[in-house]
């Protein structure tokens, strides 16, 4: 049988979103600094399990953006594992362009939408 995937309980203010450059999934220096802070919270709260949600702006095809969102979420996951967070605590999903935080059609909006968010189980 498949394990039951529980819906996330929501966000925790200590776990900050990281952002990405257009059409990229490599971690920028500011994203690494944010993730280093997130690692501190995760290390101190060993019972917390996380869903890493990959997101994109709405440029590109839906399929491409789903794949890019997955690569972003996996890049964050790999970084957290490299910092000592158990991979068993980290799950990934991509929403591609389907859940924008800003519906605008300019660079400011697109920059907000290229992200990985942390949701707590």
PDB file of N, CA and C in Angstrom:
ATOM      1  N   UNK A   1       0.836  -1.201   0.000  1.00  0.00           N
ATOM      2  CA  UNK A   1       0.000   0.000   0.000  1.00  0.00           C
ATOM      3  C   UNK A   1       0.871   1.250   0.000  1.00  0.00           C
ATOM      4  N   UNK A   2       0.325   2.305  -0.521  1.00  0.00           N
ATOM      5  CA  UNK A   2       1.038   3.580  -0.554  1.00  0.00           C
ATOM      6  C   UNK A   2       0.953   4.242   0.821  1.00  0.00           C
ATOM      7  N   UNK A   3       2.037   4.895   1.265  1.00  0.00           N
ATOM      8  CA  UNK A   3       1.937   5.637   2.522  1.00  0.00           C
ATOM      9  C   UNK A   3       0.952   6.795   2.354  1.00  0.00           C
ATOM     10  N   UNK A   4       0.277   7.109   3.419  1.00  0.00           N
ATOM     11  CA  UNK A   4      -0.678   8.219   3.385  1.00  0.00           C
ATOM     12  C   UNK A   4       0.106   9.513   3.494  1.00  0.00           C
ATOM     13  N   UNK A   5      -0.104  10.409   2.541  1.00  0.00           N
ATOM     14  CA  UNK A   5       0.553  11.709   2.597  1.00  0.00           C
ATOM     15  C   UNK A   5      -0.400  12.681   3.268  1.00  0.00           C
ATOM     16  N   UNK A   6      -0.006  13.150   4.429  1.00  0.00           N
ATOM     17  CA  UNK A   6      -0.843  14.097   5.155  1.00  0.00           C
ATOM     18  C   UNK A   6      -0.675  15.489   4.557  1.00  0.00           C
ATOM     19  N   UNK A   7      -1.734  16.280   4.558  1.00  0.00           N
ATOM     20  CA  UNK A   7      -1.583  17.646   4.067  1.00  0.00           C
ATOM     21  C   UNK A   7      -0.705  18.450   5.010  1.00  0.00           C
ATOM     22  N   UNK A   8       0.068  19.386   4.484  1.00  0.00           N
ATOM     23  CA  UNK A   8       0.895  20.203   5.361  1.00  0.00           C
ATOM     24  C   UNK A   8       0.043  21.002   6.337  1.00  0.00           C
ATOM     25  N   UNK A   9       0.583  21.228   7.535  1.00  0.00           N
ATOM     26  CA  UNK A   9      -0.120  22.030   8.540  1.00  0.00           C
ATOM     27  C   UNK A   9      -0.034  23.507   8.203  1.00  0.00           C
ATOM     28  N   UNK A  10       0.976  23.885   7.440  1.00  0.00           N
ATOM     29  CA  UNK A  10       1.117  25.300   7.093  1.00  0.00           C
ATOM     30  C   UNK A  10       2.537  25.774   7.223  1.00  0.00           C
ATOM     31  N   UNK A  11       2.689  27.053   7.225  1.00  0.00           N
ATOM     32  CA  UNK A  11       4.006  27.666   7.265  1.00  0.00           C
ATOM     33  C   UNK A  11       4.454  27.896   8.703  1.00  0.00           C
ATOM     34  N   UNK A  12       5.763  27.983   8.877  1.00  0.00           N
ATOM     35  CA  UNK A  12       6.376  28.369  10.137  1.00  0.00           C
ATOM     36  C   UNK A  12       7.215  29.594   9.826  1.00  0.00           C
ATOM     37  N   UNK A  13       7.044  30.648  10.598  1.00  0.00           N
ATOM     38  CA  UNK A  13       7.711  31.913  10.259  1.00  0.00           C
ATOM     39  C   UNK A  13       9.234  31.798  10.260  1.00  0.00           C
ATOM     40  N   UNK A  14       9.780  30.832  11.003  1.00  0.00           N
ATOM     41  CA  UNK A  14      11.240  30.663  11.029  1.00  0.00           C
ATOM     42  C   UNK A  14      11.796  30.097   9.727  1.00  0.00           C
ATOM     43  N   UNK A  15      10.957  29.487   8.924  1.00  0.00           N
ATOM     44  CA  UNK A  15      11.400  28.883   7.666  1.00  0.00           C
ATOM     45  C   UNK A  15      11.064  29.822   6.519  1.00  0.00           C
ATOM     46  N   UNK A  16      12.088  30.443   5.984  1.00  0.00           N
ATOM     47  CA  UNK A  16      11.910  31.469   4.972  1.00  0.00           C
ATOM     48  C   UNK A  16      11.977  30.896   3.565  1.00  0.00           C
ATOM     49  N   UNK A  17      11.205  31.499   2.679  1.00  0.00           N
ATOM     50  CA  UNK A  17      11.182  31.156   1.260  1.00  0.00           C
ATOM     51  C   UNK A  17      12.497  31.563   0.602  1.00  0.00           C
ATOM     52  N   UNK A  18      12.949  30.771  -0.359  1.00  0.00           N
ATOM     53  CA  UNK A  18      14.113  31.144  -1.169  1.00  0.00           C
ATOM     54  C   UNK A  18      13.658  31.404  -2.597  1.00  0.00           C
ATOM     55  N   UNK A  19      14.374  32.315  -3.265  1.00  0.00           N
ATOM     56  CA  UNK A  19      14.012  32.725  -4.621  1.00  0.00           C
ATOM     57  C   UNK A  19      15.114  32.375  -5.616  1.00  0.00           C
ATOM     58  N   UNK A  20      14.740  32.368  -6.890  1.00  0.00           N
ATOM     59  CA  UNK A  20      15.633  31.926  -7.956  1.00  0.00           C
ATOM     60  C   UNK A  20      15.636  32.930  -9.095  1.00  0.00           C
ATOM     61  N   UNK A  21      16.716  32.906  -9.870  1.00  0.00           N
ATOM     62  CA  UNK A  21      16.799  33.715 -11.075  1.00  0.00           C
ATOM     63  C   UNK A  21      15.949  33.070 -12.167  1.00  0.00           C
ATOM     64  N   UNK A  22      15.629  33.847 -13.196  1.00  0.00           N
ATOM     65  CA  UNK A  22      14.820  33.370 -14.313  1.00  0.00           C
ATOM     66  C   UNK A  22      15.441  32.135 -14.950  1.00  0.00           C
ATOM     67  N   UNK A  23      14.627  31.089 -15.107  1.00  0.00           N
ATOM     68  CA  UNK A  23      15.014  29.857 -15.791  1.00  0.00           C
ATOM     69  C   UNK A  23      16.203  29.161 -15.137  1.00  0.00           C
ATOM     70  N   UNK A  24      16.385  29.353 -13.835  1.00  0.00           N
ATOM     71  CA  UNK A  24      17.509  28.748 -13.111  1.00  0.00           C
ATOM     72  C   UNK A  24      16.984  27.978 -11.894  1.00  0.00           C
ATOM     73  N   UNK A  25      17.775  27.007 -11.478  1.00  0.00           N
ATOM     74  CA  UNK A  25      17.459  26.304 -10.243  1.00  0.00           C
ATOM     75  C   UNK A  25      18.669  26.190  -9.329  1.00  0.00           C
ATOM     76  N   UNK A  26      19.788  26.838  -9.718  1.00  0.00           N
ATOM     77  CA  UNK A  26      20.941  26.860  -8.833  1.00  0.00           C
ATOM     78  C   UNK A  26      20.687  27.871  -7.713  1.00  0.00           C
ATOM     79  N   UNK A  27      21.288  27.608  -6.561  1.00  0.00           N
ATOM     80  CA  UNK A  27      21.058  28.442  -5.382  1.00  0.00           C
ATOM     81  C   UNK A  27      21.967  29.669  -5.404  1.00  0.00           C
ATOM     82  N   UNK A  28      21.354  30.837  -5.357  1.00  0.00           N
ATOM     83  CA  UNK A  28      22.104  32.091  -5.286  1.00  0.00           C
ATOM     84  C   UNK A  28      22.691  32.233  -3.883  1.00  0.00           C
ATOM     85  N   UNK A  29      23.694  33.113  -3.712  1.00  0.00           N
ATOM     86  CA  UNK A  29      24.262  33.327  -2.371  1.00  0.00           C
ATOM     87  C   UNK A  29      23.219  33.734  -1.331  1.00  0.00           C
ATOM     88  N   UNK A  30      22.250  34.581  -1.710  1.00  0.00           N
ATOM     89  CA  UNK A  30      21.219  34.974  -0.740  1.00  0.00           C
ATOM     90  C   UNK A  30      20.338  33.783  -0.367  1.00  0.00           C
ATOM     91  N   UNK A  31      20.074  32.897  -1.309  1.00  0.00           N
ATOM     92  CA  UNK A  31      19.280  31.704  -1.007  1.00  0.00           C
ATOM     93  C   UNK A  31      20.036  30.787  -0.054  1.00  0.00           C
ATOM     94  N   UNK A  32      21.341  30.628  -0.274  1.00  0.00           N
ATOM     95  CA  UNK A  32      22.147  29.791   0.626  1.00  0.00           C
ATOM     96  C   UNK A  32      22.145  30.365   2.048  1.00  0.00           C
ATOM     97  N   UNK A  33      22.236  31.682   2.168  1.00  0.00           N
ATOM     98  CA  UNK A  33      22.214  32.316   3.493  1.00  0.00           C
ATOM     99  C   UNK A  33      20.865  32.076   4.177  1.00  0.00           C
ATOM    100  N   UNK A  34      19.785  32.186   3.416  1.00  0.00           N
ATOM    101  CA  UNK A  34      18.457  31.913   3.964  1.00  0.00           C
ATOM    102  C   UNK A  34      18.346  30.454   4.382  1.00  0.00           C
ATOM    103  N   UNK A  35      18.826  29.550   3.546  1.00  0.00           N
ATOM    104  CA  UNK A  35      18.758  28.129   3.871  1.00  0.00           C
ATOM    105  C   UNK A  35      19.597  27.792   5.097  1.00  0.00           C
ATOM    106  N   UNK A  36      20.732  28.469   5.262  1.00  0.00           N
ATOM    107  CA  UNK A  36      21.549  28.228   6.455  1.00  0.00           C
ATOM    108  C   UNK A  36      20.769  28.589   7.725  1.00  0.00           C
ATOM    109  N   UNK A  37      19.969  29.649   7.663  1.00  0.00           N
ATOM    110  CA  UNK A  37      19.113  30.005   8.797  1.00  0.00           C
ATOM    111  C   UNK A  37      18.018  28.951   8.983  1.00  0.00           C
ATOM    112  N   UNK A  38      17.444  28.476   7.895  1.00  0.00           N
ATOM    113  CA  UNK A  38      16.422  27.435   7.982  1.00  0.00           C
ATOM    114  C   UNK A  38      16.983  26.154   8.586  1.00  0.00           C
ATOM    115  N   UNK A  39      18.245  25.840   8.270  1.00  0.00           N
ATOM    116  CA  UNK A  39      18.894  24.645   8.832  1.00  0.00           C
ATOM    117  C   UNK A  39      18.941  24.741  10.352  1.00  0.00           C
ATOM    118  N   UNK A  40      19.210  25.929  10.879  1.00  0.00           N
ATOM    119  CA  UNK A  40      19.264  26.098  12.343  1.00  0.00           C
ATOM    120  C   UNK A  40      17.927  25.715  12.974  1.00  0.00           C
ATOM    121  N   UNK A  41      16.837  26.169  12.373  1.00  0.00           N
ATOM    122  CA  UNK A  41      15.511  25.820  12.894  1.00  0.00           C
ATOM    123  C   UNK A  41      15.275  24.315  12.779  1.00  0.00           C
ATOM    124  N   UNK A  42      15.579  23.748  11.624  1.00  0.00           N
ATOM    125  CA  UNK A  42      15.337  22.317  11.413  1.00  0.00           C
ATOM    126  C   UNK A  42      16.181  21.462  12.346  1.00  0.00           C
ATOM    127  N   UNK A  43      17.420  21.875  12.605  1.00  0.00           N
ATOM    128  CA  UNK A  43      18.284  21.124  13.509  1.00  0.00           C
ATOM    129  C   UNK A  43      17.750  21.171  14.942  1.00  0.00           C
ATOM    130  N   UNK A  44      17.170  22.294  15.331  1.00  0.00           N
ATOM    131  CA  UNK A  44      16.640  22.458  16.685  1.00  0.00           C
ATOM    132  C   UNK A  44      15.256  21.837  16.854  1.00  0.00           C
ATOM    133  N   UNK A  45      14.614  21.499  15.753  1.00  0.00           N
ATOM    134  CA  UNK A  45      13.261  20.930  15.774  1.00  0.00           C
ATOM    135  C   UNK A  45      13.250  19.642  14.961  1.00  0.00           C
ATOM    136  N   UNK A  46      13.899  18.631  15.507  1.00  0.00           N
ATOM    137  CA  UNK A  46      14.161  17.398  14.765  1.00  0.00           C
ATOM    138  C   UNK A  46      12.906  16.606  14.426  1.00  0.00           C
ATOM    139  N   UNK A  47      11.769  16.919  15.048  1.00  0.00           N
ATOM    140  CA  UNK A  47      10.538  16.190  14.766  1.00  0.00           C
ATOM    141  C   UNK A  47       9.763  16.791  13.600  1.00  0.00           C
ATOM    142  N   UNK A  48      10.181  17.945  13.106  1.00  0.00           N
ATOM    143  CA  UNK A  48       9.467  18.631  12.041  1.00  0.00           C
ATOM    144  C   UNK A  48       9.811  18.013  10.692  1.00  0.00           C
ATOM    145  N   UNK A  49       8.752  17.704   9.909  1.00  0.00           N
ATOM    146  CA  UNK A  49       8.935  17.239   8.536  1.00  0.00           C
ATOM    147  C   UNK A  49       8.467  18.342   7.603  1.00  0.00           C
ATOM    148  N   UNK A  50       9.141  18.460   6.478  1.00  0.00           N
ATOM    149  CA  UNK A  50       8.950  19.602   5.595  1.00  0.00           C
ATOM    150  C   UNK A  50       8.540  19.160   4.195  1.00  0.00           C
ATOM    151  N   UNK A  51       7.603  19.896   3.612  1.00  0.00           N
ATOM    152  CA  UNK A  51       7.288  19.796   2.198  1.00  0.00           C
ATOM    153  C   UNK A  51       7.899  21.006   1.514  1.00  0.00           C
ATOM    154  N   UNK A  52       8.796  20.761   0.572  1.00  0.00           N
ATOM    155  CA  UNK A  52       9.445  21.820  -0.192  1.00  0.00           C
ATOM    156  C   UNK A  52       8.661  22.005  -1.481  1.00  0.00           C
ATOM    157  N   UNK A  53       8.020  23.170  -1.622  1.00  0.00           N
ATOM    158  CA  UNK A  53       7.174  23.449  -2.763  1.00  0.00           C
ATOM    159  C   UNK A  53       7.915  24.300  -3.783  1.00  0.00           C
ATOM    160  N   UNK A  54       8.148  23.733  -4.967  1.00  0.00           N
ATOM    161  CA  UNK A  54       8.814  24.461  -6.039  1.00  0.00           C
ATOM    162  C   UNK A  54       7.805  25.220  -6.888  1.00  0.00           C
ATOM    163  N   UNK A  55       8.126  26.485  -7.186  1.00  0.00           N
ATOM    164  CA  UNK A  55       7.236  27.360  -7.955  1.00  0.00           C
ATOM    165  C   UNK A  55       8.016  28.089  -9.047  1.00  0.00           C
ATOM    166  N   UNK A  56       7.285  28.535 -10.071  1.00  0.00           N
ATOM    167  CA  UNK A  56       7.866  29.261 -11.197  1.00  0.00           C
ATOM    168  C   UNK A  56       7.006  30.469 -11.534  1.00  0.00           C
ATOM    169  N   UNK A  57       7.554  31.352 -12.373  1.00  0.00           N
ATOM    170  CA  UNK A  57       6.696  32.378 -12.955  1.00  0.00           C
ATOM    171  C   UNK A  57       5.949  31.751 -14.127  1.00  0.00           C
ATOM    172  N   UNK A  58       5.097  32.535 -14.785  1.00  0.00           N
ATOM    173  CA  UNK A  58       4.219  31.942 -15.801  1.00  0.00           C
ATOM    174  C   UNK A  58       4.790  31.972 -17.213  1.00  0.00           C
ATOM    175  N   UNK A  59       6.063  32.261 -17.351  1.00  0.00           N
ATOM    176  CA  UNK A  59       6.674  32.189 -18.680  1.00  0.00           C
ATOM    177  C   UNK A  59       7.142  30.757 -18.915  1.00  0.00           C
ATOM    178  N   UNK A  60       7.007  30.275 -20.114  1.00  0.00           N
ATOM    179  CA  UNK A  60       7.346  28.880 -20.415  1.00  0.00           C
ATOM    180  C   UNK A  60       6.092  28.024 -20.387  1.00  0.00           C
ATOM    181  N   UNK A  61       6.213  26.800 -20.889  1.00  0.00           N
ATOM    182  CA  UNK A  61       5.054  25.908 -20.915  1.00  0.00           C
ATOM    183  C   UNK A  61       4.779  25.372 -19.519  1.00  0.00           C
ATOM    184  N   UNK A  62       3.568  24.909 -19.331  1.00  0.00           N
ATOM    185  CA  UNK A  62       3.187  24.355 -18.033  1.00  0.00           C
ATOM    186  C   UNK A  62       4.088  23.162 -17.674  1.00  0.00           C
ATOM    187  N   UNK A  63       4.315  22.282 -18.645  1.00  0.00           N
ATOM    188  CA  UNK A  63       5.159  21.104 -18.393  1.00  0.00           C
ATOM    189  C   UNK A  63       6.580  21.519 -18.022  1.00  0.00           C
ATOM    190  N   UNK A  64       7.133  22.477 -18.767  1.00  0.00           N
ATOM    191  CA  UNK A  64       8.485  22.944 -18.472  1.00  0.00           C
ATOM    192  C   UNK A  64       8.553  23.514 -17.057  1.00  0.00           C
ATOM    193  N   UNK A  65       7.551  24.304 -16.699  1.00  0.00           N
ATOM    194  CA  UNK A  65       7.561  24.936 -15.380  1.00  0.00           C
ATOM    195  C   UNK A  65       7.376  23.926 -14.255  1.00  0.00           C
ATOM    196  N   UNK A  66       6.593  22.874 -14.487  1.00  0.00           N
ATOM    197  CA  UNK A  66       6.491  21.819 -13.471  1.00  0.00           C
ATOM    198  C   UNK A  66       7.851  21.158 -13.256  1.00  0.00           C
ATOM    199  N   UNK A  67       8.569  20.899 -14.338  1.00  0.00           N
ATOM    200  CA  UNK A  67       9.908  20.297 -14.217  1.00  0.00           C
ATOM    201  C   UNK A  67      10.889  21.253 -13.543  1.00  0.00           C
ATOM    202  N   UNK A  68      10.833  22.536 -13.901  1.00  0.00           N
ATOM    203  CA  UNK A  68      11.730  23.520 -13.291  1.00  0.00           C
ATOM    204  C   UNK A  68      11.432  23.673 -11.799  1.00  0.00           C
ATOM    205  N   UNK A  69      10.160  23.698 -11.434  1.00  0.00           N
ATOM    206  CA  UNK A  69       9.793  23.774 -10.017  1.00  0.00           C
ATOM    207  C   UNK A  69      10.319  22.577  -9.242  1.00  0.00           C
ATOM    208  N   UNK A  70      10.266  21.401  -9.861  1.00  0.00           N
ATOM    209  CA  UNK A  70      10.801  20.189  -9.220  1.00  0.00           C
ATOM    210  C   UNK A  70      12.311  20.301  -9.044  1.00  0.00           C
ATOM    211  N   UNK A  71      13.008  20.812 -10.054  1.00  0.00           N
ATOM    212  CA  UNK A  71      14.464  20.974  -9.935  1.00  0.00           C
ATOM    213  C   UNK A  71      14.807  21.973  -8.831  1.00  0.00           C
ATOM    214  N   UNK A  72      14.025  23.023  -8.701  1.00  0.00           N
ATOM    215  CA  UNK A  72      14.262  24.001  -7.624  1.00  0.00           C
ATOM    216  C   UNK A  72      14.054  23.363  -6.250  1.00  0.00           C
ATOM    217  N   UNK A  73      12.956  22.638  -6.082  1.00  0.00           N
ATOM    218  CA  UNK A  73      12.695  21.984  -4.802  1.00  0.00           C
ATOM    219  C   UNK A  73      13.789  20.970  -4.478  1.00  0.00           C
ATOM    220  N   UNK A  74      14.240  20.220  -5.482  1.00  0.00           N
ATOM    221  CA  UNK A  74      15.292  19.233  -5.255  1.00  0.00           C
ATOM    222  C   UNK A  74      16.633  19.884  -4.948  1.00  0.00           C
ATOM    223  N   UNK A  75      16.916  21.044  -5.546  1.00  0.00           N
ATOM    224  CA  UNK A  75      18.159  21.758  -5.233  1.00  0.00           C
ATOM    225  C   UNK A  75      18.167  22.180  -3.767  1.00  0.00           C
ATOM    226  N   UNK A  76      17.025  22.652  -3.280  1.00  0.00           N
ATOM    227  CA  UNK A  76      16.916  23.034  -1.864  1.00  0.00           C
ATOM    228  C   UNK A  76      17.070  21.799  -0.985  1.00  0.00           C
ATOM    229  N   UNK A  77      16.411  20.712  -1.368  1.00  0.00           N
ATOM    230  CA  UNK A  77      16.501  19.471  -0.591  1.00  0.00           C
ATOM    231  C   UNK A  77      17.947  18.991  -0.496  1.00  0.00           C
ATOM    232  N   UNK A  78      18.641  18.961  -1.621  1.00  0.00           N
ATOM    233  CA  UNK A  78      20.035  18.506  -1.626  1.00  0.00           C
ATOM    234  C   UNK A  78      20.902  19.390  -0.734  1.00  0.00           C
ATOM    235  N   UNK A  79      20.670  20.687  -0.758  1.00  0.00           N
ATOM    236  CA  UNK A  79      21.453  21.595   0.080  1.00  0.00           C
ATOM    237  C   UNK A  79      21.193  21.310   1.567  1.00  0.00           C
ATOM    238  N   UNK A  80      19.926  21.150   1.943  1.00  0.00           N
ATOM    239  CA  UNK A  80      19.605  20.873   3.344  1.00  0.00           C
ATOM    240  C   UNK A  80      20.211  19.548   3.800  1.00  0.00           C
ATOM    241  N   UNK A  81      20.158  18.527   2.940  1.00  0.00           N
ATOM    242  CA  UNK A  81      20.761  17.230   3.282  1.00  0.00           C
ATOM    243  C   UNK A  81      22.269  17.390   3.455  1.00  0.00           C
ATOM    244  N   UNK A  82      22.897  18.208   2.600  1.00  0.00           N
ATOM    245  CA  UNK A  82      24.346  18.421   2.706  1.00  0.00           C
ATOM    246  C   UNK A  82      24.718  19.113   4.019  1.00  0.00           C
ATOM    247  N   UNK A  83      23.751  19.779   4.639  1.00  0.00           N
ATOM    248  CA  UNK A  83      23.974  20.469   5.911  1.00  0.00           C
ATOM    249  C   UNK A  83      23.549  19.623   7.108  1.00  0.00           C
ATOM    250  N   UNK A  84      23.207  18.353   6.852  1.00  0.00           N
ATOM    251  CA  UNK A  84      22.947  17.426   7.951  1.00  0.00           C
ATOM    252  C   UNK A  84      21.486  17.158   8.264  1.00  0.00           C
ATOM    253  N   UNK A  85      20.576  17.707   7.473  1.00  0.00           N
ATOM    254  CA  UNK A  85      19.152  17.436   7.696  1.00  0.00           C
ATOM    255  C   UNK A  85      18.812  16.088   7.049  1.00  0.00           C
ATOM    256  N   UNK A  86      18.133  15.226   7.791  1.00  0.00           N
ATOM    257  CA  UNK A  86      17.808  13.892   7.299  1.00  0.00           C
ATOM    258  C   UNK A  86      16.905  13.977   6.069  1.00  0.00           C
ATOM    259  N   UNK A  87      17.262  13.263   5.000  1.00  0.00           N
ATOM    260  CA  UNK A  87      16.408  13.280   3.805  1.00  0.00           C
ATOM    261  C   UNK A  87      15.013  12.724   4.069  1.00  0.00           C
ATOM    262  N   UNK A  88      14.859  11.892   5.110  1.00  0.00           N
ATOM    263  CA  UNK A  88      13.547  11.341   5.437  1.00  0.00           C
ATOM    264  C   UNK A  88      12.565  12.411   5.887  1.00  0.00           C
ATOM    265  N   UNK A  89      13.068  13.569   6.289  1.00  0.00           N
ATOM    266  CA  UNK A  89      12.215  14.661   6.776  1.00  0.00           C
ATOM    267  C   UNK A  89      11.804  15.613   5.662  1.00  0.00           C
ATOM    268  N   UNK A  90      12.357  15.444   4.467  1.00  0.00           N
ATOM    269  CA  UNK A  90      12.189  16.419   3.390  1.00  0.00           C
ATOM    270  C   UNK A  90      11.482  15.795   2.191  1.00  0.00           C
ATOM    271  N   UNK A  91      10.352  16.352   1.841  1.00  0.00           N
ATOM    272  CA  UNK A  91       9.581  15.887   0.693  1.00  0.00           C
ATOM    273  C   UNK A  91       9.439  17.049  -0.277  1.00  0.00           C
ATOM    274  N   UNK A  92       9.372  16.746  -1.565  1.00  0.00           N
ATOM    275  CA  UNK A  92       9.292  17.805  -2.565  1.00  0.00           C
ATOM    276  C   UNK A  92       8.047  17.651  -3.425  1.00  0.00           C
ATOM    277  N   UNK A  93       7.584  18.787  -3.924  1.00  0.00           N
ATOM    278  CA  UNK A  93       6.488  18.828  -4.882  1.00  0.00           C
ATOM    279  C   UNK A  93       6.705  20.062  -5.748  1.00  0.00           C
ATOM    280  N   UNK A  94       6.240  19.999  -6.971  1.00  0.00           N
ATOM    281  CA  UNK A  94       6.285  21.178  -7.842  1.00  0.00           C
ATOM    282  C   UNK A  94       4.877  21.599  -8.202  1.00  0.00           C
ATOM    283  N   UNK A  95       4.637  22.887  -8.075  1.00  0.00           N
ATOM    284  CA  UNK A  95       3.378  23.471  -8.529  1.00  0.00           C
ATOM    285  C   UNK A  95       3.580  24.280  -9.805  1.00  0.00           C
ATOM    286  N   UNK A  96       4.805  24.310 -10.318  1.00  0.00           N
ATOM    287  CA  UNK A  96       5.068  25.060 -11.545  1.00  0.00           C
ATOM    288  C   UNK A  96       4.574  26.486 -11.418  1.00  0.00           C
ATOM    289  N   UNK A  97       3.762  26.899 -12.378  1.00  0.00           N
ATOM    290  CA  UNK A  97       3.244  28.275 -12.410  1.00  0.00           C
ATOM    291  C   UNK A  97       1.851  28.386 -11.785  1.00  0.00           C
ATOM    292  N   UNK A  98       1.334  27.277 -11.212  1.00  0.00           N
ATOM    293  CA  UNK A  98      -0.068  27.221 -10.803  1.00  0.00           C
ATOM    294  C   UNK A  98      -0.419  27.999  -9.542  1.00  0.00           C
ATOM    295  N   UNK A  99       0.551  28.349  -8.710  1.00  0.00           N
ATOM    296  CA  UNK A  99       0.251  29.027  -7.446  1.00  0.00           C
ATOM    297  C   UNK A  99       1.104  30.291  -7.282  1.00  0.00           C
ATOM    298  N   UNK A 100       0.877  31.287  -8.108  1.00  0.00           N
ATOM    299  CA  UNK A 100       1.676  32.512  -7.975  1.00  0.00           C
ATOM    300  C   UNK A 100       1.336  33.271  -6.686  1.00  0.00           C
ATOM    301  N   UNK A 101       2.332  33.917  -6.095  1.00  0.00           N
ATOM    302  CA  UNK A 101       2.059  34.806  -4.967  1.00  0.00           C
ATOM    303  C   UNK A 101       1.732  36.205  -5.473  1.00  0.00           C
ATOM    304  N   UNK A 102       2.149  36.514  -6.697  1.00  0.00           N
ATOM    305  CA  UNK A 102       1.873  37.817  -7.307  1.00  0.00           C
ATOM    306  C   UNK A 102       1.401  37.569  -8.739  1.00  0.00           C
ATOM    307  N   UNK A 103       0.165  37.939  -9.064  1.00  0.00           N
ATOM    308  CA  UNK A 103      -0.368  37.674 -10.397  1.00  0.00           C
ATOM    309  C   UNK A 103       0.112  38.651 -11.473  1.00  0.00           C
ATOM    310  N   UNK A 104       0.968  39.585 -11.098  1.00  0.00           N
ATOM    311  CA  UNK A 104       1.426  40.591 -12.049  1.00  0.00           C
ATOM    312  C   UNK A 104       2.193  40.001 -13.215  1.00  0.00           C
ATOM    313  N   UNK A 105       2.376  40.810 -14.247  1.00  0.00           N
ATOM    314  CA  UNK A 105       3.068  40.374 -15.470  1.00  0.00           C
ATOM    315  C   UNK A 105       4.299  41.232 -15.718  1.00  0.00           C
ATOM    316  N   UNK A 106       5.092  41.439 -14.665  1.00  0.00           N
ATOM    317  CA  UNK A 106       6.329  42.200 -14.808  1.00  0.00           C
ATOM    318  C   UNK A 106       7.420  41.511 -13.988  1.00  0.00           C
ATOM    319  N   UNK A 107       8.644  41.981 -14.129  1.00  0.00           N
ATOM    320  CA  UNK A 107       9.777  41.317 -13.481  1.00  0.00           C
ATOM    321  C   UNK A 107       9.626  41.268 -11.968  1.00  0.00           C
ATOM    322  N   UNK A 108       9.070  42.311 -11.362  1.00  0.00           N
ATOM    323  CA  UNK A 108       8.899  42.316  -9.901  1.00  0.00           C
ATOM    324  C   UNK A 108       7.988  41.163  -9.462  1.00  0.00           C
ATOM    325  N   UNK A 109       6.904  40.961 -10.191  1.00  0.00           N
ATOM    326  CA  UNK A 109       5.988  39.862  -9.863  1.00  0.00           C
ATOM    327  C   UNK A 109       6.638  38.516 -10.153  1.00  0.00           C
ATOM    328  N   UNK A 110       7.232  38.405 -11.330  1.00  0.00           N
ATOM    329  CA  UNK A 110       7.858  37.127 -11.692  1.00  0.00           C
ATOM    330  C   UNK A 110       8.931  36.716 -10.683  1.00  0.00           C
ATOM    331  N   UNK A 111       9.714  37.683 -10.202  1.00  0.00           N
ATOM    332  CA  UNK A 111      10.787  37.376  -9.249  1.00  0.00           C
ATOM    333  C   UNK A 111      10.225  36.788  -7.955  1.00  0.00           C
ATOM    334  N   UNK A 112       9.059  37.267  -7.516  1.00  0.00           N
ATOM    335  CA  UNK A 112       8.435  36.735  -6.295  1.00  0.00           C
ATOM    336  C   UNK A 112       7.940  35.312  -6.514  1.00  0.00           C
ATOM    337  N   UNK A 113       7.540  34.996  -7.729  1.00  0.00           N
ATOM    338  CA  UNK A 113       6.946  33.688  -8.019  1.00  0.00           C
ATOM    339  C   UNK A 113       7.980  32.585  -8.241  1.00  0.00           C
ATOM    340  N   UNK A 114       9.224  32.937  -8.517  1.00  0.00           N
ATOM    341  CA  UNK A 114      10.291  31.938  -8.717  1.00  0.00           C
ATOM    342  C   UNK A 114      10.871  31.591  -7.349  1.00  0.00           C
ATOM    343  N   UNK A 115      10.316  30.530  -6.721  1.00  0.00           N
ATOM    344  CA  UNK A 115      10.639  30.310  -5.317  1.00  0.00           C
ATOM    345  C   UNK A 115      10.467  28.853  -4.911  1.00  0.00           C
ATOM    346  N   UNK A 116      11.003  28.555  -3.714  1.00  0.00           N
ATOM    347  CA  UNK A 116      10.680  27.320  -3.000  1.00  0.00           C
ATOM    348  C   UNK A 116      10.190  27.741  -1.629  1.00  0.00           C
ATOM    349  N   UNK A 117       8.989  27.270  -1.291  1.00  0.00           N
ATOM    350  CA  UNK A 117       8.395  27.536   0.012  1.00  0.00           C
ATOM    351  C   UNK A 117       8.502  26.289   0.886  1.00  0.00           C
ATOM    352  N   UNK A 118       8.535  26.525   2.191  1.00  0.00           N
ATOM    353  CA  UNK A 118       8.612  25.459   3.194  1.00  0.00           C
ATOM    354  C   UNK A 118       7.258  25.320   3.868  1.00  0.00           C
ATOM    355  N   UNK A 119       6.691  24.123   3.831  1.00  0.00           N
ATOM    356  CA  UNK A 119       5.460  23.829   4.564  1.00  0.00           C
ATOM    357  C   UNK A 119       5.769  22.729   5.560  1.00  0.00           C
ATOM    358  N   UNK A 120       5.189  22.833   6.760  1.00  0.00           N
ATOM    359  CA  UNK A 120       5.463  21.902   7.858  1.00  0.00           C
ATOM    360  C   UNK A 120       4.373  20.852   7.912  1.00  0.00           C
ATOM    361  N   UNK A 121       4.794  19.597   8.120  1.00  0.00           N
ATOM    362  CA  UNK A 121       3.830  18.507   8.352  1.00  0.00           C
ATOM    363  C   UNK A 121       3.551  18.384   9.834  1.00  0.00           C
TER     364      UNK A 121
END
